[in-house]
Amino acid sequence: MKPTAAEEQRNLHELSSMPTAAWTQEELTYHHKVMSELSPWLNAQGTHIHGQIIQEIESRSDLT
């Protein structure tokens, strides 16, 4: 049985040891959406990671 897209997607714990430039666009989009919804409850580290995700999304959109 083939894994679903959600099962293939790496979780934030796995991704946190990698630069955001190595994340897929789908991973960036997913984690940005989740962190945006949770933003009122993010601690300083979560806010920093969310900022890095936003910067990477913006840098990729500048390339297209």
PDB file of N, CA and C in Angstrom:
ATOM      1  N   MET A   1       0.845  -1.177   0.000  1.00  0.00           N
ATOM      2  CA  MET A   1       0.000   0.000   0.000  1.00  0.00           C
ATOM      3  C   MET A   1       0.895   1.246   0.000  1.00  0.00           C
ATOM      4  N   LYS A   2       0.611   2.179  -0.885  1.00  0.00           N
ATOM      5  CA  LYS A   2       1.398   3.400  -1.015  1.00  0.00           C
ATOM      6  C   LYS A   2       1.029   4.388   0.099  1.00  0.00           C
ATOM      7  N   PRO A   3       2.056   5.033   0.731  1.00  0.00           N
ATOM      8  CA  PRO A   3       1.748   6.014   1.780  1.00  0.00           C
ATOM      9  C   PRO A   3       1.060   7.245   1.214  1.00  0.00           C
ATOM     10  N   THR A   4       0.210   7.850   2.021  1.00  0.00           N
ATOM     11  CA  THR A   4      -0.466   9.082   1.598  1.00  0.00           C
ATOM     12  C   THR A   4       0.516  10.239   1.655  1.00  0.00           C
ATOM     13  N   ALA A   5       0.138  11.381   1.088  1.00  0.00           N
ATOM     14  CA  ALA A   5       1.003  12.565   1.091  1.00  0.00           C
ATOM     15  C   ALA A   5       1.328  12.997   2.520  1.00  0.00           C
ATOM     16  N   ALA A   6       0.350  12.910   3.401  1.00  0.00           N
ATOM     17  CA  ALA A   6       0.571  13.300   4.798  1.00  0.00           C
ATOM     18  C   ALA A   6       1.581  12.374   5.471  1.00  0.00           C
ATOM     19  N   GLU A   7       1.558  11.099   5.124  1.00  0.00           N
ATOM     20  CA  GLU A   7       2.497  10.147   5.702  1.00  0.00           C
ATOM     21  C   GLU A   7       3.907  10.351   5.159  1.00  0.00           C
ATOM     22  N   GLU A   8       4.032  10.832   3.923  1.00  0.00           N
ATOM     23  CA  GLU A   8       5.333  11.076   3.310  1.00  0.00           C
ATOM     24  C   GLU A   8       5.950  12.384   3.794  1.00  0.00           C
ATOM     25  N   GLN A   9       5.142  13.314   4.228  1.00  0.00           N
ATOM     26  CA  GLN A   9       5.616  14.630   4.649  1.00  0.00           C
ATOM     27  C   GLN A   9       6.409  14.515   5.946  1.00  0.00           C
ATOM     28  N   ARG A  10       7.554  15.178   5.981  1.00  0.00           N
ATOM     29  CA  ARG A  10       8.379  15.159   7.193  1.00  0.00           C
ATOM     30  C   ARG A  10       7.760  16.084   8.239  1.00  0.00           C
ATOM     31  N   ASN A  11       7.881  15.690   9.507  1.00  0.00           N
ATOM     32  CA  ASN A  11       7.312  16.508  10.572  1.00  0.00           C
ATOM     33  C   ASN A  11       8.280  17.623  10.960  1.00  0.00           C
ATOM     34  N   LEU A  12       7.805  18.555  11.748  1.00  0.00           N
ATOM     35  CA  LEU A  12       8.593  19.722  12.115  1.00  0.00           C
ATOM     36  C   LEU A  12       9.841  19.334  12.907  1.00  0.00           C
ATOM     37  N   HIS A  13       9.749  18.286  13.687  1.00  0.00           N
ATOM     38  CA  HIS A  13      10.913  17.833  14.446  1.00  0.00           C
ATOM     39  C   HIS A  13      12.035  17.402  13.497  1.00  0.00           C
ATOM     40  N   GLU A  14      11.698  16.656  12.457  1.00  0.00           N
ATOM     41  CA  GLU A  14      12.693  16.249  11.459  1.00  0.00           C
ATOM     42  C   GLU A  14      13.249  17.460  10.718  1.00  0.00           C
ATOM     43  N   LEU A  15      12.368  18.372  10.340  1.00  0.00           N
ATOM     44  CA  LEU A  15      12.763  19.519   9.529  1.00  0.00           C
ATOM     45  C   LEU A  15      13.583  20.545  10.299  1.00  0.00           C
ATOM     46  N   SER A  16      13.416  20.602  11.608  1.00  0.00           N
ATOM     47  CA  SER A  16      14.091  21.644  12.386  1.00  0.00           C
ATOM     48  C   SER A  16      15.608  21.513  12.359  1.00  0.00           C
ATOM     49  N   SER A  17      16.113  20.348  12.015  1.00  0.00           N
ATOM     50  CA  SER A  17      17.560  20.165  11.924  1.00  0.00           C
ATOM     51  C   SER A  17      18.094  20.482  10.527  1.00  0.00           C
ATOM     52  N   MET A  18      17.215  20.929   9.647  1.00  0.00           N
ATOM     53  CA  MET A  18      17.597  21.237   8.265  1.00  0.00           C
ATOM     54  C   MET A  18      17.348  22.711   7.968  1.00  0.00           C
ATOM     55  N   PRO A  19      18.137  23.302   7.081  1.00  0.00           N
ATOM     56  CA  PRO A  19      17.830  24.681   6.674  1.00  0.00           C
ATOM     57  C   PRO A  19      16.512  24.704   5.890  1.00  0.00           C
ATOM     58  N   THR A  20      15.776  25.793   6.002  1.00  0.00           N
ATOM     59  CA  THR A  20      14.480  25.862   5.305  1.00  0.00           C
ATOM     60  C   THR A  20      14.650  25.773   3.790  1.00  0.00           C
ATOM     61  N   ALA A  21      15.824  26.093   3.274  1.00  0.00           N
ATOM     62  CA  ALA A  21      16.068  25.969   1.836  1.00  0.00           C
ATOM     63  C   ALA A  21      15.974  24.517   1.367  1.00  0.00           C
ATOM     64  N   ALA A  22      16.149  23.567   2.286  1.00  0.00           N
ATOM     65  CA  ALA A  22      16.071  22.146   1.945  1.00  0.00           C
ATOM     66  C   ALA A  22      14.655  21.582   2.073  1.00  0.00           C
ATOM     67  N   TRP A  23      13.725  22.386   2.581  1.00  0.00           N
ATOM     68  CA  TRP A  23      12.342  21.936   2.718  1.00  0.00           C
ATOM     69  C   TRP A  23      11.660  21.985   1.359  1.00  0.00           C
ATOM     70  N   THR A  24      10.665  21.129   1.153  1.00  0.00           N
ATOM     71  CA  THR A  24       9.875  21.212  -0.074  1.00  0.00           C
ATOM     72  C   THR A  24       8.884  22.361   0.047  1.00  0.00           C
ATOM     73  N   GLN A  25       8.374  22.798  -1.090  1.00  0.00           N
ATOM     74  CA  GLN A  25       7.374  23.859  -1.075  1.00  0.00           C
ATOM     75  C   GLN A  25       6.138  23.422  -0.305  1.00  0.00           C
ATOM     76  N   GLU A  26       5.771  22.155  -0.434  1.00  0.00           N
ATOM     77  CA  GLU A  26       4.602  21.634   0.272  1.00  0.00           C
ATOM     78  C   GLU A  26       4.815  21.677   1.787  1.00  0.00           C
ATOM     79  N   GLU A  27       6.030  21.336   2.231  1.00  0.00           N
ATOM     80  CA  GLU A  27       6.328  21.384   3.659  1.00  0.00           C
ATOM     81  C   GLU A  27       6.282  22.821   4.175  1.00  0.00           C
ATOM     82  N   LEU A  28       6.854  23.745   3.423  1.00  0.00           N
ATOM     83  CA  LEU A  28       6.818  25.153   3.821  1.00  0.00           C
ATOM     84  C   LEU A  28       5.384  25.653   3.931  1.00  0.00           C
ATOM     85  N   THR A  29       4.592  25.358   2.923  1.00  0.00           N
ATOM     86  CA  THR A  29       3.205  25.817   2.892  1.00  0.00           C
ATOM     87  C   THR A  29       2.402  25.220   4.052  1.00  0.00           C
ATOM     88  N   TYR A  30       2.553  23.926   4.268  1.00  0.00           N
ATOM     89  CA  TYR A  30       1.814  23.263   5.341  1.00  0.00           C
ATOM     90  C   TYR A  30       2.180  23.833   6.710  1.00  0.00           C
ATOM     91  N   HIS A  31       3.471  23.919   7.002  1.00  0.00           N
ATOM     92  CA  HIS A  31       3.887  24.371   8.324  1.00  0.00           C
ATOM     93  C   HIS A  31       3.615  25.868   8.520  1.00  0.00           C
ATOM     94  N   HIS A  32       3.650  26.642   7.439  1.00  0.00           N
ATOM     95  CA  HIS A  32       3.273  28.051   7.548  1.00  0.00           C
ATOM     96  C   HIS A  32       1.793  28.173   7.932  1.00  0.00           C
ATOM     97  N   LYS A  33       0.952  27.386   7.277  1.00  0.00           N
ATOM     98  CA  LYS A  33      -0.484  27.433   7.576  1.00  0.00           C
ATOM     99  C   LYS A  33      -0.750  27.040   9.029  1.00  0.00           C
ATOM    100  N   VAL A  34      -0.151  25.948   9.461  1.00  0.00           N
ATOM    101  CA  VAL A  34      -0.354  25.485  10.836  1.00  0.00           C
ATOM    102  C   VAL A  34       0.148  26.513  11.839  1.00  0.00           C
ATOM    103  N   MET A  35       1.353  27.040  11.611  1.00  0.00           N
ATOM    104  CA  MET A  35       1.922  27.993  12.564  1.00  0.00           C
ATOM    105  C   MET A  35       1.157  29.313  12.560  1.00  0.00           C
ATOM    106  N   SER A  36       0.606  29.693  11.427  1.00  0.00           N
ATOM    107  CA  SER A  36      -0.219  30.901  11.368  1.00  0.00           C
ATOM    108  C   SER A  36      -1.459  30.746  12.245  1.00  0.00           C
ATOM    109  N   GLU A  37      -2.065  29.567  12.181  1.00  0.00           N
ATOM    110  CA  GLU A  37      -3.253  29.308  12.993  1.00  0.00           C
ATOM    111  C   GLU A  37      -2.920  29.255  14.487  1.00  0.00           C
ATOM    112  N   LEU A  38      -1.716  28.814  14.809  1.00  0.00           N
ATOM    113  CA  LEU A  38      -1.310  28.682  16.203  1.00  0.00           C
ATOM    114  C   LEU A  38      -0.518  29.886  16.710  1.00  0.00           C
ATOM    115  N   SER A  39      -0.336  30.896  15.896  1.00  0.00           N
ATOM    116  CA  SER A  39       0.555  32.016  16.238  1.00  0.00           C
ATOM    117  C   SER A  39       0.281  32.670  17.598  1.00  0.00           C
ATOM    118  N   PRO A  40      -0.959  32.794  18.039  1.00  0.00           N
ATOM    119  CA  PRO A  40      -1.160  33.404  19.365  1.00  0.00           C
ATOM    120  C   PRO A  40      -0.525  32.604  20.507  1.00  0.00           C
ATOM    121  N   TRP A  41      -0.247  31.326  20.263  1.00  0.00           N
ATOM    122  CA  TRP A  41       0.273  30.464  21.320  1.00  0.00           C
ATOM    123  C   TRP A  41       1.723  30.038  21.107  1.00  0.00           C
ATOM    124  N   LEU A  42       2.373  30.533  20.047  1.00  0.00           N
ATOM    125  CA  LEU A  42       3.766  30.160  19.795  1.00  0.00           C
ATOM    126  C   LEU A  42       4.697  30.838  20.796  1.00  0.00           C
ATOM    127  N   ASN A  43       5.713  30.108  21.232  1.00  0.00           N
ATOM    128  CA  ASN A  43       6.741  30.710  22.075  1.00  0.00           C
ATOM    129  C   ASN A  43       7.772  31.393  21.165  1.00  0.00           C
ATOM    130  N   ALA A  44       8.835  31.927  21.747  1.00  0.00           N
ATOM    131  CA  ALA A  44       9.839  32.660  20.974  1.00  0.00           C
ATOM    132  C   ALA A  44      10.488  31.775  19.909  1.00  0.00           C
ATOM    133  N   GLN A  45      10.762  30.521  20.238  1.00  0.00           N
ATOM    134  CA  GLN A  45      11.377  29.613  19.272  1.00  0.00           C
ATOM    135  C   GLN A  45      10.424  29.329  18.109  1.00  0.00           C
ATOM    136  N   GLY A  46       9.158  29.099  18.412  1.00  0.00           N
ATOM    137  CA  GLY A  46       8.168  28.863  17.361  1.00  0.00           C
ATOM    138  C   GLY A  46       7.991  30.075  16.465  1.00  0.00           C
ATOM    139  N   THR A  47       7.992  31.258  17.064  1.00  0.00           N
ATOM    140  CA  THR A  47       7.879  32.495  16.287  1.00  0.00           C
ATOM    141  C   THR A  47       9.087  32.665  15.372  1.00  0.00           C
ATOM    142  N   HIS A  48      10.264  32.314  15.873  1.00  0.00           N
ATOM    143  CA  HIS A  48      11.488  32.413  15.066  1.00  0.00           C
ATOM    144  C   HIS A  48      11.435  31.441  13.877  1.00  0.00           C
ATOM    145  N   ILE A  49      11.043  30.203  14.121  1.00  0.00           N
ATOM    146  CA  ILE A  49      10.933  29.215  13.042  1.00  0.00           C
ATOM    147  C   ILE A  49       9.894  29.669  12.020  1.00  0.00           C
ATOM    148  N   HIS A  50       8.780  30.183  12.489  1.00  0.00           N
ATOM    149  CA  HIS A  50       7.741  30.666  11.579  1.00  0.00           C
ATOM    150  C   HIS A  50       8.291  31.801  10.708  1.00  0.00           C
ATOM    151  N   GLY A  51       9.061  32.698  11.308  1.00  0.00           N
ATOM    152  CA  GLY A  51       9.685  33.780  10.543  1.00  0.00           C
ATOM    153  C   GLY A  51      10.629  33.256   9.472  1.00  0.00           C
ATOM    154  N   GLN A  52      11.387  32.211   9.792  1.00  0.00           N
ATOM    155  CA  GLN A  52      12.286  31.608   8.805  1.00  0.00           C
ATOM    156  C   GLN A  52      11.501  30.990   7.651  1.00  0.00           C
ATOM    157  N   ILE A  53      10.385  30.357   7.980  1.00  0.00           N
ATOM    158  CA  ILE A  53       9.528  29.761   6.945  1.00  0.00           C
ATOM    159  C   ILE A  53       8.993  30.851   6.018  1.00  0.00           C
ATOM    160  N   ILE A  54       8.530  31.943   6.593  1.00  0.00           N
ATOM    161  CA  ILE A  54       8.006  33.058   5.784  1.00  0.00           C
ATOM    162  C   ILE A  54       9.097  33.617   4.877  1.00  0.00           C
ATOM    163  N   GLN A  55      10.297  33.812   5.408  1.00  0.00           N
ATOM    164  CA  GLN A  55      11.403  34.325   4.599  1.00  0.00           C
ATOM    165  C   GLN A  55      11.727  33.389   3.437  1.00  0.00           C
ATOM    166  N   GLU A  56      11.717  32.083   3.684  1.00  0.00           N
ATOM    167  CA  GLU A  56      12.017  31.122   2.623  1.00  0.00           C
ATOM    168  C   GLU A  56      10.927  31.132   1.557  1.00  0.00           C
ATOM    169  N   ILE A  57       9.673  31.191   1.967  1.00  0.00           N
ATOM    170  CA  ILE A  57       8.571  31.262   0.996  1.00  0.00           C
ATOM    171  C   ILE A  57       8.724  32.522   0.144  1.00  0.00           C
ATOM    172  N   GLU A  58       9.011  33.652   0.789  1.00  0.00           N
ATOM    173  CA  GLU A  58       9.182  34.904   0.039  1.00  0.00           C
ATOM    174  C   GLU A  58      10.380  34.852  -0.889  1.00  0.00           C
ATOM    175  N   SER A  59      11.481  34.259  -0.452  1.00  0.00           N
ATOM    176  CA  SER A  59      12.666  34.175  -1.323  1.00  0.00           C
ATOM    177  C   SER A  59      12.404  33.293  -2.528  1.00  0.00           C
ATOM    178  N   ARG A  60      11.633  32.242  -2.352  1.00  0.00           N
ATOM    179  CA  ARG A  60      11.300  31.376  -3.490  1.00  0.00           C
ATOM    180  C   ARG A  60      10.346  32.066  -4.448  1.00  0.00           C
ATOM    181  N   SER A  61       9.445  32.884  -3.923  1.00  0.00           N
ATOM    182  CA  SER A  61       8.511  33.570  -4.819  1.00  0.00           C
ATOM    183  C   SER A  61       9.231  34.657  -5.609  1.00  0.00           C
ATOM    184  N   ASP A  62      10.330  35.192  -5.087  1.00  0.00           N
ATOM    185  CA  ASP A  62      11.132  36.166  -5.821  1.00  0.00           C
ATOM    186  C   ASP A  62      11.854  35.539  -7.000  1.00  0.00           C
ATOM    187  N   LEU A  63      12.088  34.240  -6.926  1.00  0.00           N
ATOM    188  CA  LEU A  63      12.818  33.523  -7.989  1.00  0.00           C
ATOM    189  C   LEU A  63      11.932  33.209  -9.191  1.00  0.00           C
ATOM    190  N   THR A  64      10.629  33.213  -8.983  1.00  0.00           N
ATOM    191  CA  THR A  64       9.725  32.838 -10.088  1.00  0.00           C
ATOM    192  C   THR A  64       9.199  34.045 -10.817  1.00  0.00           C
TER     193      THR A  64
END
